[in-house]
Amino acid sequence: NNSFPALGQIIDSIAPSSPTGLTGQIDKKGSLSIRWNSGKEDDISGYRVYMANGKEESFTLMSKEPVRDTVYVDSINLRTVTSKVYFKVMALDLN
């Protein structure tokens, strides 16, 4: 007798560790470059980059698609009320 094929997956309940070594630069024209160290997990599918104008503000997703590298390049408006911007980077798991 034959049986129907079935999908079986191992449950991956452990989230990847947070990226470390986050650094960034903004030039006088507003060009932004952020870098970080990759986690040691083999199943990282990419990263999400978030930005806020204050540490206690709500962070907004900047990267529409997952960033596959450990570098994010964009531009920001320099004519804002705040003199600093804050970034967070989150690792995404394959599962």
PDB file of N, CA and C in Angstrom:
ATOM      1  N   ASN A   1       0.833  -1.184   0.000  1.00  0.00           N
ATOM      2  CA  ASN A   1       0.000   0.000   0.000  1.00  0.00           C
ATOM      3  C   ASN A   1       0.874   1.243   0.000  1.00  0.00           C
ATOM      4  N   ASN A   2       0.415   2.258  -0.702  1.00  0.00           N
ATOM      5  CA  ASN A   2       1.098   3.544  -0.739  1.00  0.00           C
ATOM      6  C   ASN A   2       0.368   4.525   0.171  1.00  0.00           C
ATOM      7  N   SER A   3       1.131   5.471   0.697  1.00  0.00           N
ATOM      8  CA  SER A   3       0.511   6.518   1.513  1.00  0.00           C
ATOM      9  C   SER A   3       0.777   7.873   0.863  1.00  0.00           C
ATOM     10  N   PHE A   4      -0.009   8.859   1.245  1.00  0.00           N
ATOM     11  CA  PHE A   4       0.184  10.202   0.723  1.00  0.00           C
ATOM     12  C   PHE A   4       1.404  10.835   1.382  1.00  0.00           C
ATOM     13  N   PRO A   5       2.172  11.630   0.625  1.00  0.00           N
ATOM     14  CA  PRO A   5       3.312  12.315   1.237  1.00  0.00           C
ATOM     15  C   PRO A   5       2.826  13.343   2.259  1.00  0.00           C
ATOM     16  N   ALA A   6       3.610  13.550   3.279  1.00  0.00           N
ATOM     17  CA  ALA A   6       3.265  14.516   4.319  1.00  0.00           C
ATOM     18  C   ALA A   6       4.498  15.339   4.658  1.00  0.00           C
ATOM     19  N   LEU A   7       4.274  16.599   4.965  1.00  0.00           N
ATOM     20  CA  LEU A   7       5.350  17.491   5.355  1.00  0.00           C
ATOM     21  C   LEU A   7       5.609  17.342   6.848  1.00  0.00           C
ATOM     22  N   GLY A   8       6.856  17.177   7.214  1.00  0.00           N
ATOM     23  CA  GLY A   8       7.242  17.121   8.614  1.00  0.00           C
ATOM     24  C   GLY A   8       8.369  18.117   8.854  1.00  0.00           C
ATOM     25  N   GLN A   9       8.226  18.953   9.868  1.00  0.00           N
ATOM     26  CA  GLN A   9       9.248  19.948  10.191  1.00  0.00           C
ATOM     27  C   GLN A   9       9.566  19.888  11.678  1.00  0.00           C
ATOM     28  N   ILE A  10      10.823  20.098  11.971  1.00  0.00           N
ATOM     29  CA  ILE A  10      11.248  20.188  13.360  1.00  0.00           C
ATOM     30  C   ILE A  10      10.858  21.570  13.871  1.00  0.00           C
ATOM     31  N   ILE A  11      10.291  21.653  15.053  1.00  0.00           N
ATOM     32  CA  ILE A  11       9.890  22.932  15.636  1.00  0.00           C
ATOM     33  C   ILE A  11      11.141  23.705  16.028  1.00  0.00           C
ATOM     34  N   ASP A  12      11.224  24.932  15.532  1.00  0.00           N
ATOM     35  CA  ASP A  12      12.342  25.825  15.858  1.00  0.00           C
ATOM     36  C   ASP A  12      11.805  26.945  16.726  1.00  0.00           C
ATOM     37  N   SER A  13      11.842  26.761  18.030  1.00  0.00           N
ATOM     38  CA  SER A  13      11.262  27.735  18.954  1.00  0.00           C
ATOM     39  C   SER A  13      12.298  28.693  19.530  1.00  0.00           C
ATOM     40  N   ILE A  14      13.548  28.575  19.104  1.00  0.00           N
ATOM     41  CA  ILE A  14      14.607  29.435  19.627  1.00  0.00           C
ATOM     42  C   ILE A  14      14.879  30.542  18.620  1.00  0.00           C
ATOM     43  N   ALA A  15      14.640  31.782  19.029  1.00  0.00           N
ATOM     44  CA  ALA A  15      14.872  32.937  18.156  1.00  0.00           C
ATOM     45  C   ALA A  15      16.365  33.182  17.997  1.00  0.00           C
ATOM     46  N   PRO A  16      16.783  33.744  16.866  1.00  0.00           N
ATOM     47  CA  PRO A  16      18.203  34.065  16.706  1.00  0.00           C
ATOM     48  C   PRO A  16      18.613  35.162  17.683  1.00  0.00           C
ATOM     49  N   SER A  17      19.881  35.168  18.041  1.00  0.00           N
ATOM     50  CA  SER A  17      20.371  36.182  18.969  1.00  0.00           C
ATOM     51  C   SER A  17      20.354  37.554  18.306  1.00  0.00           C
ATOM     52  N   SER A  18      20.310  38.580  19.126  1.00  0.00           N
ATOM     53  CA  SER A  18      20.314  39.953  18.616  1.00  0.00           C
ATOM     54  C   SER A  18      21.658  40.277  17.982  1.00  0.00           C
ATOM     55  N   PRO A  19      21.648  41.001  16.872  1.00  0.00           N
ATOM     56  CA  PRO A  19      22.912  41.423  16.262  1.00  0.00           C
ATOM     57  C   PRO A  19      23.693  42.311  17.234  1.00  0.00           C
ATOM     58  N   THR A  20      24.991  42.272  17.153  1.00  0.00           N
ATOM     59  CA  THR A  20      25.855  43.064  18.029  1.00  0.00           C
ATOM     60  C   THR A  20      26.694  44.023  17.195  1.00  0.00           C
ATOM     61  N   GLY A  21      27.363  44.945  17.862  1.00  0.00           N
ATOM     62  CA  GLY A  21      28.302  45.842  17.200  1.00  0.00           C
ATOM     63  C   GLY A  21      27.661  46.832  16.246  1.00  0.00           C
ATOM     64  N   LEU A  22      26.446  47.277  16.553  1.00  0.00           N
ATOM     65  CA  LEU A  22      25.735  48.205  15.672  1.00  0.00           C
ATOM     66  C   LEU A  22      26.450  49.553  15.630  1.00  0.00           C
ATOM     67  N   THR A  23      26.818  49.978  14.425  1.00  0.00           N
ATOM     68  CA  THR A  23      27.432  51.294  14.224  1.00  0.00           C
ATOM     69  C   THR A  23      26.771  51.963  13.033  1.00  0.00           C
ATOM     70  N   GLY A  24      26.827  53.276  12.992  1.00  0.00           N
ATOM     71  CA  GLY A  24      26.222  53.981  11.880  1.00  0.00           C
ATOM     72  C   GLY A  24      26.879  55.309  11.621  1.00  0.00           C
ATOM     73  N   GLN A  25      26.692  55.777  10.388  1.00  0.00           N
ATOM     74  CA  GLN A  25      27.219  57.076   9.990  1.00  0.00           C
ATOM     75  C   GLN A  25      26.198  57.766   9.098  1.00  0.00           C
ATOM     76  N   ILE A  26      26.095  59.086   9.252  1.00  0.00           N
ATOM     77  CA  ILE A  26      25.267  59.907   8.382  1.00  0.00           C
ATOM     78  C   ILE A  26      26.151  61.046   7.899  1.00  0.00           C
ATOM     79  N   ASP A  27      26.217  61.230   6.580  1.00  0.00           N
ATOM     80  CA  ASP A  27      27.041  62.332   6.071  1.00  0.00           C
ATOM     81  C   ASP A  27      26.215  63.614   5.974  1.00  0.00           C
ATOM     82  N   LYS A  28      26.834  64.693   5.510  1.00  0.00           N
ATOM     83  CA  LYS A  28      26.187  66.009   5.461  1.00  0.00           C
ATOM     84  C   LYS A  28      25.027  66.078   4.486  1.00  0.00           C
ATOM     85  N   LYS A  29      24.927  65.116   3.572  1.00  0.00           N
ATOM     86  CA  LYS A  29      23.831  65.085   2.602  1.00  0.00           C
ATOM     87  C   LYS A  29      22.675  64.187   3.059  1.00  0.00           C
ATOM     88  N   GLY A  30      22.861  63.500   4.195  1.00  0.00           N
ATOM     89  CA  GLY A  30      21.819  62.626   4.719  1.00  0.00           C
ATOM     90  C   GLY A  30      21.965  61.166   4.316  1.00  0.00           C
ATOM     91  N   SER A  31      23.075  60.812   3.672  1.00  0.00           N
ATOM     92  CA  SER A  31      23.317  59.408   3.332  1.00  0.00           C
ATOM     93  C   SER A  31      23.636  58.635   4.605  1.00  0.00           C
ATOM     94  N   LEU A  32      22.956  57.545   4.794  1.00  0.00           N
ATOM     95  CA  LEU A  32      23.035  56.755   6.017  1.00  0.00           C
ATOM     96  C   LEU A  32      23.626  55.387   5.724  1.00  0.00           C
ATOM     97  N   SER A  33      24.524  54.941   6.570  1.00  0.00           N
ATOM     98  CA  SER A  33      25.102  53.602   6.467  1.00  0.00           C
ATOM     99  C   SER A  33      25.157  52.995   7.863  1.00  0.00           C
ATOM    100  N   ILE A  34      24.530  51.824   8.030  1.00  0.00           N
ATOM    101  CA  ILE A  34      24.521  51.124   9.313  1.00  0.00           C
ATOM    102  C   ILE A  34      25.144  49.752   9.110  1.00  0.00           C
ATOM    103  N   ARG A  35      25.966  49.338  10.058  1.00  0.00           N
ATOM    104  CA  ARG A  35      26.626  48.028  10.008  1.00  0.00           C
ATOM    105  C   ARG A  35      26.449  47.327  11.351  1.00  0.00           C
ATOM    106  N   TRP A  36      26.482  45.988  11.319  1.00  0.00           N
ATOM    107  CA  TRP A  36      26.386  45.194  12.540  1.00  0.00           C
ATOM    108  C   TRP A  36      27.062  43.857  12.312  1.00  0.00           C
ATOM    109  N   ASN A  37      27.292  43.144  13.399  1.00  0.00           N
ATOM    110  CA  ASN A  37      27.882  41.811  13.335  1.00  0.00           C
ATOM    111  C   ASN A  37      26.769  40.779  13.247  1.00  0.00           C
ATOM    112  N   SER A  38      26.970  39.814  12.383  1.00  0.00           N
ATOM    113  CA  SER A  38      25.996  38.743  12.205  1.00  0.00           C
ATOM    114  C   SER A  38      26.005  37.813  13.405  1.00  0.00           C
ATOM    115  N   GLY A  39      24.847  37.215  13.669  1.00  0.00           N
ATOM    116  CA  GLY A  39      24.773  36.202  14.714  1.00  0.00           C
ATOM    117  C   GLY A  39      25.448  34.914  14.257  1.00  0.00           C
ATOM    118  N   LYS A  40      25.634  33.988  15.142  1.00  0.00           N
ATOM    119  CA  LYS A  40      26.333  32.735  14.838  1.00  0.00           C
ATOM    120  C   LYS A  40      25.388  31.630  14.347  1.00  0.00           C
ATOM    121  N   GLU A  41      24.085  31.880  14.362  1.00  0.00           N
ATOM    122  CA  GLU A  41      23.128  30.865  13.940  1.00  0.00           C
ATOM    123  C   GLU A  41      23.204  30.634  12.431  1.00  0.00           C
ATOM    124  N   ASP A  42      23.028  29.388  12.037  1.00  0.00           N
ATOM    125  CA  ASP A  42      23.057  29.036  10.613  1.00  0.00           C
ATOM    126  C   ASP A  42      21.743  29.337   9.908  1.00  0.00           C
ATOM    127  N   ASP A  43      20.681  29.549  10.668  1.00  0.00           N
ATOM    128  CA  ASP A  43      19.370  29.705  10.045  1.00  0.00           C
ATOM    129  C   ASP A  43      18.827  31.141  10.081  1.00  0.00           C
ATOM    130  N   ILE A  44      19.728  32.131  10.051  1.00  0.00           N
ATOM    131  CA  ILE A  44      19.292  33.526   9.953  1.00  0.00           C
ATOM    132  C   ILE A  44      18.929  33.800   8.500  1.00  0.00           C
ATOM    133  N   SER A  45      17.704  34.301   8.282  1.00  0.00           N
ATOM    134  CA  SER A  45      17.265  34.569   6.910  1.00  0.00           C
ATOM    135  C   SER A  45      17.470  36.019   6.506  1.00  0.00           C
ATOM    136  N   GLY A  46      17.734  36.898   7.447  1.00  0.00           N
ATOM    137  CA  GLY A  46      17.941  38.307   7.151  1.00  0.00           C
ATOM    138  C   GLY A  46      17.722  39.149   8.392  1.00  0.00           C
ATOM    139  N   TYR A  47      17.612  40.451   8.191  1.00  0.00           N
ATOM    140  CA  TYR A  47      17.473  41.391   9.300  1.00  0.00           C
ATOM    141  C   TYR A  47      16.421  42.440   8.961  1.00  0.00           C
ATOM    142  N   ARG A  48      15.806  42.996   9.994  1.00  0.00           N
ATOM    143  CA  ARG A  48      14.897  44.127   9.869  1.00  0.00           C
ATOM    144  C   ARG A  48      15.564  45.316  10.562  1.00  0.00           C
ATOM    145  N   VAL A  49      15.470  46.488   9.944  1.00  0.00           N
ATOM    146  CA  VAL A  49      16.067  47.710  10.489  1.00  0.00           C
ATOM    147  C   VAL A  49      14.938  48.664  10.875  1.00  0.00           C
ATOM    148  N   TYR A  50      15.002  49.187  12.102  1.00  0.00           N
ATOM    149  CA  TYR A  50      14.003  50.108  12.630  1.00  0.00           C
ATOM    150  C   TYR A  50      14.664  51.415  13.041  1.00  0.00           C
ATOM    151  N   MET A  51      13.923  52.529  12.944  1.00  0.00           N
ATOM    152  CA  MET A  51      14.457  53.842  13.305  1.00  0.00           C
ATOM    153  C   MET A  51      13.442  54.617  14.137  1.00  0.00           C
ATOM    154  N   ALA A  52      13.959  55.458  15.063  1.00  0.00           N
ATOM    155  CA  ALA A  52      13.119  56.365  15.850  1.00  0.00           C
ATOM    156  C   ALA A  52      13.886  57.657  16.087  1.00  0.00           C
ATOM    157  N   ASN A  53      13.160  58.718  16.390  1.00  0.00           N
ATOM    158  CA  ASN A  53      13.792  60.012  16.682  1.00  0.00           C
ATOM    159  C   ASN A  53      14.162  60.160  18.149  1.00  0.00           C
ATOM    160  N   GLY A  54      13.765  59.212  18.987  1.00  0.00           N
ATOM    161  CA  GLY A  54      14.103  59.229  20.405  1.00  0.00           C
ATOM    162  C   GLY A  54      14.118  57.819  20.955  1.00  0.00           C
ATOM    163  N   LYS A  55      14.865  57.610  22.020  1.00  0.00           N
ATOM    164  CA  LYS A  55      14.992  56.266  22.606  1.00  0.00           C
ATOM    165  C   LYS A  55      13.652  55.706  23.067  1.00  0.00           C
ATOM    166  N   GLU A  56      12.778  56.569  23.540  1.00  0.00           N
ATOM    167  CA  GLU A  56      11.484  56.135  24.068  1.00  0.00           C
ATOM    168  C   GLU A  56      10.361  56.241  23.033  1.00  0.00           C
ATOM    169  N   GLU A  57      10.682  56.652  21.828  1.00  0.00           N
ATOM    170  CA  GLU A  57       9.687  56.785  20.753  1.00  0.00           C
ATOM    171  C   GLU A  57       9.378  55.413  20.155  1.00  0.00           C
ATOM    172  N   SER A  58       8.332  55.354  19.375  1.00  0.00           N
ATOM    173  CA  SER A  58       8.003  54.129  18.635  1.00  0.00           C
ATOM    174  C   SER A  58       8.967  54.004  17.457  1.00  0.00           C
ATOM    175  N   PHE A  59       9.533  52.827  17.285  1.00  0.00           N
ATOM    176  CA  PHE A  59      10.457  52.585  16.184  1.00  0.00           C
ATOM    177  C   PHE A  59       9.665  52.189  14.943  1.00  0.00           C
ATOM    178  N   THR A  60      10.071  52.722  13.803  1.00  0.00           N
ATOM    179  CA  THR A  60       9.417  52.480  12.527  1.00  0.00           C
ATOM    180  C   THR A  60      10.279  51.571  11.665  1.00  0.00           C
ATOM    181  N   LEU A  61       9.661  50.613  11.007  1.00  0.00           N
ATOM    182  CA  LEU A  61      10.380  49.703  10.119  1.00  0.00           C
ATOM    183  C   LEU A  61      10.922  50.476   8.928  1.00  0.00           C
ATOM    184  N   MET A  62      12.215  50.398   8.690  1.00  0.00           N
ATOM    185  CA  MET A  62      12.862  51.097   7.573  1.00  0.00           C
ATOM    186  C   MET A  62      13.069  50.174   6.379  1.00  0.00           C
ATOM    187  N   SER A  63      13.345  48.905   6.639  1.00  0.00           N
ATOM    188  CA  SER A  63      13.667  47.952   5.573  1.00  0.00           C
ATOM    189  C   SER A  63      12.406  47.205   5.164  1.00  0.00           C
ATOM    190  N   LYS A  64      11.868  47.530   3.992  1.00  0.00           N
ATOM    191  CA  LYS A  64      10.629  46.890   3.541  1.00  0.00           C
ATOM    192  C   LYS A  64      10.819  45.386   3.318  1.00  0.00           C
ATOM    193  N   GLU A  65      11.945  45.016   2.783  1.00  0.00           N
ATOM    194  CA  GLU A  65      12.317  43.610   2.592  1.00  0.00           C
ATOM    195  C   GLU A  65      13.405  43.271   3.606  1.00  0.00           C
ATOM    196  N   PRO A  66      13.519  42.015   4.028  1.00  0.00           N
ATOM    197  CA  PRO A  66      14.613  41.650   4.938  1.00  0.00           C
ATOM    198  C   PRO A  66      15.976  41.970   4.312  1.00  0.00           C
ATOM    199  N   VAL A  67      16.859  42.543   5.102  1.00  0.00           N
ATOM    200  CA  VAL A  67      18.217  42.865   4.658  1.00  0.00           C
ATOM    201  C   VAL A  67      19.031  41.582   4.765  1.00  0.00           C
ATOM    202  N   ARG A  68      19.618  41.138   3.680  1.00  0.00           N
ATOM    203  CA  ARG A  68      20.352  39.862   3.655  1.00  0.00           C
ATOM    204  C   ARG A  68      21.806  40.016   4.105  1.00  0.00           C
ATOM    205  N   ASP A  69      22.313  41.236   4.090  1.00  0.00           N
ATOM    206  CA  ASP A  69      23.706  41.504   4.450  1.00  0.00           C
ATOM    207  C   ASP A  69      23.735  42.104   5.854  1.00  0.00           C
ATOM    208  N   THR A  70      24.903  42.454   6.342  1.00  0.00           N
ATOM    209  CA  THR A  70      25.036  43.094   7.643  1.00  0.00           C
ATOM    210  C   THR A  70      25.303  44.588   7.472  1.00  0.00           C
ATOM    211  N   VAL A  71      24.819  45.138   6.362  1.00  0.00           N
ATOM    212  CA  VAL A  71      24.940  46.564   6.063  1.00  0.00           C
ATOM    213  C   VAL A  71      23.592  47.049   5.540  1.00  0.00           C
ATOM    214  N   TYR A  72      23.169  48.223   6.005  1.00  0.00           N
ATOM    215  CA  TYR A  72      21.945  48.849   5.511  1.00  0.00           C
ATOM    216  C   TYR A  72      22.298  50.257   5.072  1.00  0.00           C
ATOM    217  N   VAL A  73      21.933  50.613   3.849  1.00  0.00           N
ATOM    218  CA  VAL A  73      22.232  51.935   3.296  1.00  0.00           C
ATOM    219  C   VAL A  73      20.914  52.596   2.902  1.00  0.00           C
ATOM    220  N   ASP A  74      20.760  53.857   3.270  1.00  0.00           N
ATOM    221  CA  ASP A  74      19.543  54.604   2.965  1.00  0.00           C
ATOM    222  C   ASP A  74      19.887  56.090   3.065  1.00  0.00           C
ATOM    223  N   SER A  75      18.884  56.933   2.999  1.00  0.00           N
ATOM    224  CA  SER A  75      19.085  58.356   3.233  1.00  0.00           C
ATOM    225  C   SER A  75      17.972  58.838   4.150  1.00  0.00           C
ATOM    226  N   ILE A  76      18.265  59.878   4.929  1.00  0.00           N
ATOM    227  CA  ILE A  76      17.272  60.433   5.840  1.00  0.00           C
ATOM    228  C   ILE A  76      17.240  61.946   5.677  1.00  0.00           C
ATOM    229  N   ASN A  77      16.133  62.539   6.090  1.00  0.00           N
ATOM    230  CA  ASN A  77      15.980  63.984   6.051  1.00  0.00           C
ATOM    231  C   ASN A  77      16.744  64.590   7.224  1.00  0.00           C
ATOM    232  N   LEU A  78      17.627  65.520   6.943  1.00  0.00           N
ATOM    233  CA  LEU A  78      18.417  66.145   8.000  1.00  0.00           C
ATOM    234  C   LEU A  78      17.685  67.313   8.665  1.00  0.00           C
ATOM    235  N   ARG A  79      16.610  67.779   8.064  1.00  0.00           N
ATOM    236  CA  ARG A  79      15.851  68.907   8.617  1.00  0.00           C
ATOM    237  C   ARG A  79      14.739  68.382   9.516  1.00  0.00           C
ATOM    238  N   THR A  80      15.124  67.982  10.718  1.00  0.00           N
ATOM    239  CA  THR A  80      14.163  67.476  11.688  1.00  0.00           C
ATOM    240  C   THR A  80      14.310  68.226  12.997  1.00  0.00           C
ATOM    241  N   VAL A  81      13.382  68.020  13.897  1.00  0.00           N
ATOM    242  CA  VAL A  81      13.397  68.690  15.201  1.00  0.00           C
ATOM    243  C   VAL A  81      14.495  68.112  16.093  1.00  0.00           C
ATOM    244  N   THR A  82      14.765  66.821  15.978  1.00  0.00           N
ATOM    245  CA  THR A  82      15.756  66.173  16.841  1.00  0.00           C
ATOM    246  C   THR A  82      17.126  66.145  16.161  1.00  0.00           C
ATOM    247  N   SER A  83      18.160  66.140  16.976  1.00  0.00           N
ATOM    248  CA  SER A  83      19.523  66.113  16.428  1.00  0.00           C
ATOM    249  C   SER A  83      20.086  64.695  16.352  1.00  0.00           C
ATOM    250  N   LYS A  84      19.353  63.712  16.895  1.00  0.00           N
ATOM    251  CA  LYS A  84      19.807  62.323  16.889  1.00  0.00           C
ATOM    252  C   LYS A  84      18.713  61.417  16.348  1.00  0.00           C
ATOM    253  N   VAL A  85      19.120  60.310  15.785  1.00  0.00           N
ATOM    254  CA  VAL A  85      18.191  59.252  15.392  1.00  0.00           C
ATOM    255  C   VAL A  85      18.699  57.953  16.003  1.00  0.00           C
ATOM    256  N   TYR A  86      17.792  57.030  16.266  1.00  0.00           N
ATOM    257  CA  TYR A  86      18.126  55.774  16.921  1.00  0.00           C
ATOM    258  C   TYR A  86      17.702  54.622  16.028  1.00  0.00           C
ATOM    259  N   PHE A  87      18.511  53.566  16.018  1.00  0.00           N
ATOM    260  CA  PHE A  87      18.234  52.409  15.180  1.00  0.00           C
ATOM    261  C   PHE A  87      18.260  51.145  16.013  1.00  0.00           C
ATOM    262  N   LYS A  88      17.449  50.182  15.577  1.00  0.00           N
ATOM    263  CA  LYS A  88      17.460  48.833  16.123  1.00  0.00           C
ATOM    264  C   LYS A  88      17.513  47.881  14.947  1.00  0.00           C
ATOM    265  N   VAL A  89      18.211  46.763  15.128  1.00  0.00           N
ATOM    266  CA  VAL A  89      18.285  45.737  14.097  1.00  0.00           C
ATOM    267  C   VAL A  89      17.839  44.426  14.722  1.00  0.00           C
ATOM    268  N   MET A  90      16.934  43.712  14.018  1.00  0.00           N
ATOM    269  CA  MET A  90      16.397  42.462  14.522  1.00  0.00           C
ATOM    270  C   MET A  90      16.728  41.352  13.522  1.00  0.00           C
ATOM    271  N   ALA A  91      17.265  40.246  14.013  1.00  0.00           N
ATOM    272  CA  ALA A  91      17.557  39.078  13.175  1.00  0.00           C
ATOM    273  C   ALA A  91      16.287  38.286  12.946  1.00  0.00           C
ATOM    274  N   LEU A  92      16.142  37.753  11.718  1.00  0.00           N
ATOM    275  CA  LEU A  92      14.985  36.946  11.367  1.00  0.00           C
ATOM    276  C   LEU A  92      15.427  35.493  11.176  1.00  0.00           C
ATOM    277  N   ASP A  93      14.640  34.592  11.716  1.00  0.00           N
ATOM    278  CA  ASP A  93      14.893  33.159  11.632  1.00  0.00           C
ATOM    279  C   ASP A  93      14.262  32.592  10.361  1.00  0.00           C
ATOM    280  N   LEU A  94      14.831  31.537   9.809  1.00  0.00           N
ATOM    281  CA  LEU A  94      14.233  30.899   8.646  1.00  0.00           C
ATOM    282  C   LEU A  94      12.857  30.331   8.965  1.00  0.00           C
ATOM    283  N   ASN A  95      12.683  29.833  10.161  1.00  0.00           N
ATOM    284  CA  ASN A  95      11.390  29.256  10.552  1.00  0.00           C
ATOM    285  C   ASN A  95      10.701  30.173  11.531  1.00  0.00           C
TER     286      ASN A  95
END
